[in-house]
Amino acid sequence: QVQLVETGGGLVQAGGSLRLSCTTSGRTFSSLHMGWFRQAPGKERSTVAAISRNGKSTYYADFVKGRFAISGDNAKNTVYLQMNDLKPEDTAVYYCAADVRPYFPPVQFEYWGQGTLVTVSE
């Protein structure tokens, strides 16, 4: 079993930055593919970014390319999502997810955090 705890959400003005963190426990961090997802009110959950367990492969949704960056820290068992140039449409609950299966990116992530709210004001 893998436990995930997200932190770092909050209220920020458009054009600002936030860094989300997701700390894992229960499995060796380097055995996990990690991903960030978001769900805005009234919308389906969508993939934001993902990083392979060896850190060599990443995936970004088109709507965040050039603005967001995903990274991992094995020593801290933590994956980060650096979000720059935030826009009001980035407002959503952001979820961290992990998967232990070999394929990247995973078709489905097996383990999920509780989410952290990001609100971007005009």
C-alpha atoms as a PDB file:
ATOM      1  CA  GLN A   1       0.000   0.000   0.000  1.00  0.00           C
ATOM      2  CA  VAL A   2       1.191   3.494  -0.854  1.00  0.00           C
ATOM      3  CA  GLN A   3       0.126   6.596   1.039  1.00  0.00           C
ATOM      4  CA  LEU A   4       0.277  10.027  -0.583  1.00  0.00           C
ATOM      5  CA  VAL A   5      -0.029  13.419   1.084  1.00  0.00           C
ATOM      6  CA  GLU A   6      -0.230  16.602  -0.986  1.00  0.00           C
ATOM      7  CA  THR A   7       0.627  20.045   0.330  1.00  0.00           C
ATOM      8  CA  GLY A   8       1.207  23.459  -1.148  1.00  0.00           C
ATOM      9  CA  GLY A   9      -2.171  24.488  -2.482  1.00  0.00           C
ATOM     10  CA  GLY A  10      -3.653  27.884  -1.809  1.00  0.00           C
ATOM     11  CA  LEU A  11      -4.819  31.164  -3.269  1.00  0.00           C
ATOM     12  CA  VAL A  12      -2.612  32.993  -5.758  1.00  0.00           C
ATOM     13  CA  GLN A  13      -3.116  35.838  -8.201  1.00  0.00           C
ATOM     14  CA  ALA A  14      -2.973  35.269 -11.922  1.00  0.00           C
ATOM     15  CA  GLY A  15       0.619  35.262 -13.116  1.00  0.00           C
ATOM     16  CA  GLY A  16       1.876  33.960  -9.793  1.00  0.00           C
ATOM     17  CA  SER A  17       3.519  30.682  -8.842  1.00  0.00           C
ATOM     18  CA  LEU A  18       2.924  27.787  -6.474  1.00  0.00           C
ATOM     19  CA  ARG A  19       4.799  24.589  -5.770  1.00  0.00           C
ATOM     20  CA  LEU A  20       2.833  21.506  -4.843  1.00  0.00           C
ATOM     21  CA  SER A  21       4.479  18.678  -2.949  1.00  0.00           C
ATOM     22  CA  CYS A  22       3.426  15.066  -2.596  1.00  0.00           C
ATOM     23  CA  THR A  23       5.163  12.921  -0.019  1.00  0.00           C
ATOM     24  CA  THR A  24       4.890   9.169  -0.301  1.00  0.00           C
ATOM     25  CA  SER A  25       5.209   6.295   2.140  1.00  0.00           C
ATOM     26  CA  GLY A  26       4.715   2.557   2.042  1.00  0.00           C
ATOM     27  CA  ARG A  27       6.896   1.819  -0.981  1.00  0.00           C
ATOM     28  CA  THR A  28      10.347   2.813  -2.103  1.00  0.00           C
ATOM     29  CA  PHE A  29       9.905   6.127  -3.935  1.00  0.00           C
ATOM     30  CA  SER A  30      12.173   5.053  -6.777  1.00  0.00           C
ATOM     31  CA  SER A  31       9.785   2.169  -7.523  1.00  0.00           C
ATOM     32  CA  LEU A  32       6.892   4.566  -8.247  1.00  0.00           C
ATOM     33  CA  HIS A  33       5.743   6.323 -11.389  1.00  0.00           C
ATOM     34  CA  MET A  34       4.207   9.569 -10.179  1.00  0.00           C
ATOM     35  CA  GLY A  35       1.578  11.844 -11.623  1.00  0.00           C
ATOM     36  CA  TRP A  36      -0.346  15.032 -10.965  1.00  0.00           C
ATOM     37  CA  PHE A  37      -3.989  15.402 -11.953  1.00  0.00           C
ATOM     38  CA  ARG A  38      -6.567  18.097 -11.470  1.00  0.00           C
ATOM     39  CA  GLN A  39     -10.309  18.427 -11.322  1.00  0.00           C
ATOM     40  CA  ALA A  40     -12.073  21.733 -11.690  1.00  0.00           C
ATOM     41  CA  PRO A  41     -15.661  22.228 -10.483  1.00  0.00           C
ATOM     42  CA  GLY A  42     -18.072  20.604 -12.893  1.00  0.00           C
ATOM     43  CA  LYS A  43     -15.315  19.078 -15.002  1.00  0.00           C
ATOM     44  CA  GLU A  44     -13.716  15.679 -15.300  1.00  0.00           C
ATOM     45  CA  ARG A  45     -10.364  14.916 -13.800  1.00  0.00           C
ATOM     46  CA  SER A  46      -7.505  15.448 -16.225  1.00  0.00           C
ATOM     47  CA  THR A  47      -3.835  14.579 -16.314  1.00  0.00           C
ATOM     48  CA  VAL A  48      -1.466  17.460 -15.655  1.00  0.00           C
ATOM     49  CA  ALA A  49       1.971  15.837 -15.617  1.00  0.00           C
ATOM     50  CA  ALA A  50       3.732  12.563 -14.885  1.00  0.00           C
ATOM     51  CA  ILE A  51       7.261  11.392 -14.233  1.00  0.00           C
ATOM     52  CA  SER A  52       8.708   7.920 -14.566  1.00  0.00           C
ATOM     53  CA  ARG A  53      10.193   6.176 -11.582  1.00  0.00           C
ATOM     54  CA  ASN A  54      13.744   6.647 -12.861  1.00  0.00           C
ATOM     55  CA  GLY A  55      13.076  10.321 -13.499  1.00  0.00           C
ATOM     56  CA  LYS A  56      14.140  10.090 -17.123  1.00  0.00           C
ATOM     57  CA  SER A  57      10.713  10.412 -18.751  1.00  0.00           C
ATOM     58  CA  THR A  58       8.088  13.060 -18.242  1.00  0.00           C
ATOM     59  CA  TYR A  59       4.692  13.830 -19.673  1.00  0.00           C
ATOM     60  CA  TYR A  60       2.843  17.155 -19.713  1.00  0.00           C
ATOM     61  CA  ALA A  61      -0.628  18.055 -20.793  1.00  0.00           C
ATOM     62  CA  ASP A  62      -0.612  20.620 -23.585  1.00  0.00           C
ATOM     63  CA  PHE A  63      -2.323  23.213 -21.417  1.00  0.00           C
ATOM     64  CA  VAL A  64       0.614  23.313 -18.945  1.00  0.00           C
ATOM     65  CA  LYS A  65       3.605  22.901 -21.231  1.00  0.00           C
ATOM     66  CA  GLY A  66       6.136  25.616 -20.609  1.00  0.00           C
ATOM     67  CA  ARG A  67       4.449  26.710 -17.358  1.00  0.00           C
ATOM     68  CA  PHE A  68       4.535  23.664 -15.063  1.00  0.00           C
ATOM     69  CA  ALA A  69       7.382  21.320 -14.186  1.00  0.00           C
ATOM     70  CA  ILE A  70       7.291  17.956 -12.422  1.00  0.00           C
ATOM     71  CA  SER A  71      10.272  16.645 -10.491  1.00  0.00           C
ATOM     72  CA  GLY A  72      11.083  14.032  -7.896  1.00  0.00           C
ATOM     73  CA  ASP A  73      13.390  13.790  -4.905  1.00  0.00           C
ATOM     74  CA  ASN A  74      14.245  10.222  -3.925  1.00  0.00           C
ATOM     75  CA  ALA A  75      15.869  11.304  -0.674  1.00  0.00           C
ATOM     76  CA  LYS A  76      12.651  13.026   0.440  1.00  0.00           C
ATOM     77  CA  ASN A  77      10.204  10.520  -1.095  1.00  0.00           C
ATOM     78  CA  THR A  78       8.528  13.516  -2.661  1.00  0.00           C
ATOM     79  CA  VAL A  79       7.318  14.607  -6.072  1.00  0.00           C
ATOM     80  CA  TYR A  80       6.826  18.280  -6.858  1.00  0.00           C
ATOM     81  CA  LEU A  81       4.763  20.260  -9.291  1.00  0.00           C
ATOM     82  CA  GLN A  82       6.165  23.731  -9.883  1.00  0.00           C
ATOM     83  CA  MET A  83       3.435  25.892 -11.352  1.00  0.00           C
ATOM     84  CA  ASN A  84       4.348  29.225 -12.919  1.00  0.00           C
ATOM     85  CA  ASP A  85       2.339  31.856 -14.769  1.00  0.00           C
ATOM     86  CA  LEU A  86      -0.847  30.566 -13.208  1.00  0.00           C
ATOM     87  CA  LYS A  87      -4.143  31.398 -14.861  1.00  0.00           C
ATOM     88  CA  PRO A  88      -7.682  31.465 -13.430  1.00  0.00           C
ATOM     89  CA  GLU A  89      -8.467  28.373 -15.509  1.00  0.00           C
ATOM     90  CA  ASP A  90      -5.829  26.479 -13.506  1.00  0.00           C
ATOM     91  CA  THR A  91      -8.164  26.659 -10.506  1.00  0.00           C
ATOM     92  CA  ALA A  92      -8.853  23.076  -9.436  1.00  0.00           C
ATOM     93  CA  VAL A  93      -8.235  20.414  -6.844  1.00  0.00           C
ATOM     94  CA  TYR A  94      -4.858  18.915  -7.646  1.00  0.00           C
ATOM     95  CA  TYR A  95      -4.260  15.250  -6.913  1.00  0.00           C
ATOM     96  CA  CYS A  96      -1.045  13.289  -6.668  1.00  0.00           C
ATOM     97  CA  ALA A  97      -1.014   9.684  -7.822  1.00  0.00           C
ATOM     98  CA  ALA A  98       1.410   6.769  -7.871  1.00  0.00           C
ATOM     99  CA  ASP A  99       1.688   3.499  -9.723  1.00  0.00           C
ATOM    100  CA  VAL A 100       4.011   0.538  -9.253  1.00  0.00           C
ATOM    101  CA  ARG A 101       3.425  -1.270 -12.527  1.00  0.00           C
ATOM    102  CA  PRO A 102       6.210  -1.232 -15.104  1.00  0.00           C
ATOM    103  CA  TYR A 103       4.662   0.777 -17.942  1.00  0.00           C
ATOM    104  CA  PHE A 104       5.022   4.543 -18.313  1.00  0.00           C
ATOM    105  CA  PRO A 105       2.910   6.464 -18.500  1.00  0.00           C
ATOM    106  CA  PRO A 106       0.499   4.235 -16.626  1.00  0.00           C
ATOM    107  CA  VAL A 107      -2.893   3.638 -18.157  1.00  0.00           C
ATOM    108  CA  GLN A 108      -4.303   4.102 -14.699  1.00  0.00           C
ATOM    109  CA  PHE A 109      -2.655   5.172 -11.480  1.00  0.00           C
ATOM    110  CA  GLU A 110      -3.318   2.863  -8.570  1.00  0.00           C
ATOM    111  CA  TYR A 111      -2.782   5.098  -5.539  1.00  0.00           C
ATOM    112  CA  TRP A 112      -4.178   8.585  -4.936  1.00  0.00           C
ATOM    113  CA  GLY A 113      -3.790  11.411  -2.480  1.00  0.00           C
ATOM    114  CA  GLN A 114      -6.626  13.418  -0.972  1.00  0.00           C
ATOM    115  CA  GLY A 115      -6.040  16.478  -3.125  1.00  0.00           C
ATOM    116  CA  THR A 116      -5.077  20.067  -2.508  1.00  0.00           C
ATOM    117  CA  LEU A 117      -7.038  23.091  -3.706  1.00  0.00           C
ATOM    118  CA  VAL A 118      -5.412  25.668  -5.944  1.00  0.00           C
ATOM    119  CA  THR A 119      -7.346  28.868  -6.553  1.00  0.00           C
ATOM    120  CA  VAL A 120      -6.094  31.444  -9.032  1.00  0.00           C
ATOM    121  CA  SER A 121      -7.740  34.847  -8.854  1.00  0.00           C
ATOM    122  CA  GLU A 122      -7.970  37.430 -11.649  1.00  0.00           C
END
